[in-house]
């Protein structure tokens, strides 16, 4: 009877071991690409939206933004 009760535990240990071995094999096989991806994620700025940065601004938009910034700076200086 004791042999039957240990069968599920033995199967679970084998499955967990196989998953760990598979994960390690994938990590070793793709190490150069994973290191590059992790390094680029570490260097990325989560507050910057690349879609906003790539959008071309018209000269009028830049003038309006400069005027708003100047107004905000003069308001901060007076308070």
N, C-alpha and C. Protein backbone atom coordinates (compact mmCIF):
# COMPACT_ATOMS: atom_id res chain seq x y z
N UNK A 1 0.80 -1.20 0.00
CA UNK A 1 0.00 0.00 0.00
C UNK A 1 0.85 1.27 0.00
N UNK A 2 1.98 1.25 0.62
CA UNK A 2 2.82 2.44 0.70
C UNK A 2 3.35 2.83 -0.68
N UNK A 3 3.55 1.86 -1.53
CA UNK A 3 4.06 2.16 -2.86
C UNK A 3 3.01 2.92 -3.69
N UNK A 4 1.77 2.61 -3.52
CA UNK A 4 0.73 3.31 -4.27
C UNK A 4 0.59 4.76 -3.84
N UNK A 5 0.77 5.04 -2.56
CA UNK A 5 0.61 6.40 -2.07
C UNK A 5 1.74 7.32 -2.50
N UNK A 6 2.90 6.78 -2.78
CA UNK A 6 4.02 7.62 -3.17
C UNK A 6 4.07 7.87 -4.68
N UNK A 7 3.25 7.21 -5.45
CA UNK A 7 3.27 7.37 -6.90
C UNK A 7 2.92 8.80 -7.33
N UNK A 8 1.87 9.42 -6.79
CA UNK A 8 1.59 10.81 -7.20
C UNK A 8 2.70 11.79 -6.81
N UNK A 9 3.30 11.57 -5.65
CA UNK A 9 4.38 12.44 -5.21
C UNK A 9 5.59 12.29 -6.13
N UNK A 10 5.89 11.06 -6.48
CA UNK A 10 7.01 10.80 -7.38
C UNK A 10 6.76 11.44 -8.75
N UNK A 11 5.55 11.35 -9.24
CA UNK A 11 5.21 11.96 -10.53
C UNK A 11 5.33 13.48 -10.46
N UNK A 12 4.88 14.06 -9.36
CA UNK A 12 4.96 15.51 -9.20
C UNK A 12 6.41 15.97 -9.16
N UNK A 13 7.26 15.25 -8.47
CA UNK A 13 8.68 15.60 -8.40
C UNK A 13 9.32 15.49 -9.77
N UNK A 14 8.98 14.47 -10.53
CA UNK A 14 9.53 14.30 -11.88
C UNK A 14 9.08 15.44 -12.79
N UNK A 15 7.81 15.82 -12.71
CA UNK A 15 7.30 16.91 -13.54
C UNK A 15 7.98 18.23 -13.19
N UNK A 16 8.12 18.52 -11.90
CA UNK A 16 8.77 19.76 -11.48
C UNK A 16 10.23 19.77 -11.91
N UNK A 17 10.90 18.63 -11.80
CA UNK A 17 12.28 18.54 -12.26
C UNK A 17 12.41 18.75 -13.76
N UNK A 18 11.48 18.20 -14.52
CA UNK A 18 11.50 18.37 -15.98
C UNK A 18 11.25 19.83 -16.35
N UNK A 19 10.35 20.47 -15.66
CA UNK A 19 10.09 21.90 -15.93
C UNK A 19 11.31 22.75 -15.60
N UNK A 20 11.97 22.46 -14.49
CA UNK A 20 13.17 23.20 -14.12
C UNK A 20 14.29 22.98 -15.14
N UNK A 21 14.45 21.75 -15.59
CA UNK A 21 15.47 21.45 -16.60
C UNK A 21 15.15 22.17 -17.91
N UNK A 22 13.89 22.16 -18.32
CA UNK A 22 13.49 22.85 -19.54
C UNK A 22 13.73 24.35 -19.46
N UNK A 23 13.41 24.94 -18.31
CA UNK A 23 13.62 26.38 -18.13
C UNK A 23 15.12 26.69 -18.22
N UNK A 24 15.95 25.89 -17.56
CA UNK A 24 17.40 26.12 -17.59
C UNK A 24 17.94 25.95 -19.01
N UNK A 25 17.44 24.98 -19.75
CA UNK A 25 17.90 24.77 -21.13
C UNK A 25 17.55 25.97 -22.01
N UNK A 26 16.35 26.50 -21.84
CA UNK A 26 15.94 27.67 -22.63
C UNK A 26 16.78 28.89 -22.25
N UNK A 27 17.01 29.08 -20.96
CA UNK A 27 17.84 30.21 -20.52
C UNK A 27 19.25 30.12 -21.12
N UNK A 28 19.83 28.94 -21.13
CA UNK A 28 21.17 28.79 -21.67
C UNK A 28 21.19 28.92 -23.19
N UNK A 29 20.17 28.41 -23.85
CA UNK A 29 20.15 28.45 -25.32
C UNK A 29 19.96 29.87 -25.83
N UNK A 30 19.15 30.66 -25.15
CA UNK A 30 18.83 32.01 -25.63
C UNK A 30 19.49 33.10 -24.80
N UNK A 31 20.56 32.75 -24.09
CA UNK A 31 21.21 33.69 -23.18
C UNK A 31 21.62 35.01 -23.83
N UNK A 32 22.26 35.03 -25.01
CA UNK A 32 22.66 36.32 -25.59
C UNK A 32 21.45 37.23 -25.88
N UNK A 33 20.40 36.66 -26.40
CA UNK A 33 19.22 37.47 -26.73
C UNK A 33 18.48 37.92 -25.47
N UNK A 34 18.42 37.03 -24.49
CA UNK A 34 17.75 37.40 -23.24
C UNK A 34 18.53 38.49 -22.51
N UNK A 35 19.86 38.44 -22.53
CA UNK A 35 20.66 39.48 -21.90
C UNK A 35 20.44 40.83 -22.57
N UNK A 36 20.39 40.83 -23.91
CA UNK A 36 20.14 42.08 -24.63
C UNK A 36 18.75 42.63 -24.32
N UNK A 37 17.76 41.77 -24.28
CA UNK A 37 16.40 42.21 -23.99
C UNK A 37 16.30 42.75 -22.57
N UNK A 38 16.92 42.08 -21.62
CA UNK A 38 16.87 42.55 -20.23
C UNK A 38 17.61 43.87 -20.07
N UNK A 39 18.74 44.03 -20.77
CA UNK A 39 19.49 45.28 -20.69
C UNK A 39 18.70 46.43 -21.29
N UNK A 40 18.02 46.18 -22.40
CA UNK A 40 17.23 47.27 -23.01
C UNK A 40 16.03 47.62 -22.15
N UNK A 41 15.45 46.64 -21.45
CA UNK A 41 14.34 46.94 -20.55
C UNK A 41 14.82 47.75 -19.35
N UNK A 42 16.03 47.48 -18.89
CA UNK A 42 16.58 48.24 -17.76
C UNK A 42 16.87 49.68 -18.14
N UNK A 43 17.27 49.91 -19.40
CA UNK A 43 17.59 51.26 -19.85
C UNK A 43 16.36 52.05 -20.29
N UNK A 44 15.24 51.39 -20.47
CA UNK A 44 14.07 52.09 -21.01
C UNK A 44 13.45 53.01 -19.98
N UNK A 45 12.77 54.02 -20.47
CA UNK A 45 12.08 55.00 -19.62
C UNK A 45 10.59 54.71 -19.70
N UNK A 46 9.99 54.19 -18.64
CA UNK A 46 8.57 53.83 -18.71
C UNK A 46 7.63 55.02 -18.84
N UNK A 47 8.12 56.22 -18.54
CA UNK A 47 7.25 57.39 -18.64
C UNK A 47 7.21 57.96 -20.05
N UNK A 48 8.15 57.56 -20.90
CA UNK A 48 8.18 58.09 -22.27
C UNK A 48 7.37 57.21 -23.19
N UNK A 49 6.50 57.82 -23.96
CA UNK A 49 5.69 57.10 -24.94
C UNK A 49 6.33 57.26 -26.31
N UNK A 50 6.81 56.17 -26.91
CA UNK A 50 7.48 56.30 -28.20
C UNK A 50 6.56 56.83 -29.30
N UNK A 51 5.27 56.59 -29.16
CA UNK A 51 4.35 57.11 -30.17
C UNK A 51 4.30 58.63 -30.13
N UNK A 52 4.38 59.21 -28.95
CA UNK A 52 4.37 60.67 -28.83
C UNK A 52 5.70 61.25 -29.30
N UNK A 53 6.79 60.59 -29.04
CA UNK A 53 8.11 61.09 -29.41
C UNK A 53 8.31 61.05 -30.91
N UNK A 54 7.70 60.09 -31.59
CA UNK A 54 7.88 59.96 -33.03
C UNK A 54 7.00 60.91 -33.83
N UNK A 55 5.97 61.45 -33.20
CA UNK A 55 5.05 62.33 -33.91
C UNK A 55 5.77 63.64 -34.25
N UNK A 56 5.61 64.08 -35.46
CA UNK A 56 6.21 65.33 -35.91
C UNK A 56 5.36 66.49 -35.41
N UNK A 57 6.03 67.49 -34.85
CA UNK A 57 5.33 68.67 -34.38
C UNK A 57 5.46 69.76 -35.43
N UNK A 58 4.36 70.47 -35.61
CA UNK A 58 4.40 71.59 -36.54
C UNK A 58 5.03 72.79 -35.83
N UNK A 59 5.55 73.77 -36.58
CA UNK A 59 6.15 74.95 -35.95
C UNK A 59 5.16 75.71 -35.05
N UNK A 60 3.87 75.69 -35.43
CA UNK A 60 2.89 76.37 -34.61
C UNK A 60 2.75 75.70 -33.25
N UNK A 61 2.78 74.35 -33.24
CA UNK A 61 2.69 73.62 -31.98
C UNK A 61 3.87 73.94 -31.07
N UNK A 62 5.05 74.07 -31.66
CA UNK A 62 6.23 74.39 -30.86
C UNK A 62 6.15 75.80 -30.30
N UNK A 63 5.62 76.75 -31.09
CA UNK A 63 5.48 78.11 -30.60
C UNK A 63 4.47 78.18 -29.46
N UNK A 64 3.37 77.46 -29.57
CA UNK A 64 2.37 77.45 -28.52
C UNK A 64 2.95 76.82 -27.25
N UNK A 65 3.69 75.73 -27.41
CA UNK A 65 4.30 75.07 -26.25
C UNK A 65 5.31 75.99 -25.58
N UNK A 66 6.09 76.74 -26.37
CA UNK A 66 7.05 77.68 -25.80
C UNK A 66 6.34 78.81 -25.05
N UNK A 67 5.25 79.29 -25.62
CA UNK A 67 4.50 80.37 -24.98
C UNK A 67 3.89 79.90 -23.66
N UNK A 68 3.36 78.69 -23.64
CA UNK A 68 2.79 78.14 -22.41
C UNK A 68 3.88 77.95 -21.37
N UNK A 69 5.04 77.48 -21.79
CA UNK A 69 6.15 77.29 -20.85
C UNK A 69 6.62 78.62 -20.30
N UNK A 70 6.68 79.67 -21.16
CA UNK A 70 7.09 80.98 -20.70
C UNK A 70 6.10 81.55 -19.69
N UNK A 71 4.80 81.36 -19.97
CA UNK A 71 3.76 81.83 -19.05
C UNK A 71 3.86 81.13 -17.71
N UNK A 72 4.11 79.84 -17.74
CA UNK A 72 4.23 79.07 -16.50
C UNK A 72 5.47 79.51 -15.72
N UNK A 73 6.55 79.81 -16.41
CA UNK A 73 7.77 80.24 -15.75
C UNK A 73 7.59 81.63 -15.13
N UNK A 74 6.91 82.51 -15.84
CA UNK A 74 6.70 83.85 -15.27
C UNK A 74 5.73 83.81 -14.10
N UNK A 75 4.75 82.90 -14.13
CA UNK A 75 3.82 82.77 -13.02
C UNK A 75 4.55 82.21 -11.79
N UNK A 76 5.44 81.26 -12.01
CA UNK A 76 6.19 80.68 -10.90
C UNK A 76 7.15 81.71 -10.30
N UNK A 77 7.69 82.57 -11.13
CA UNK A 77 8.66 83.56 -10.65
C UNK A 77 7.99 84.63 -9.80
N UNK A 78 6.73 84.95 -10.08
CA UNK A 78 6.02 86.00 -9.34
C UNK A 78 5.44 85.50 -8.04
N UNK A 79 5.26 84.19 -7.90
CA UNK A 79 4.64 83.69 -6.66
C UNK A 79 5.65 83.31 -5.64
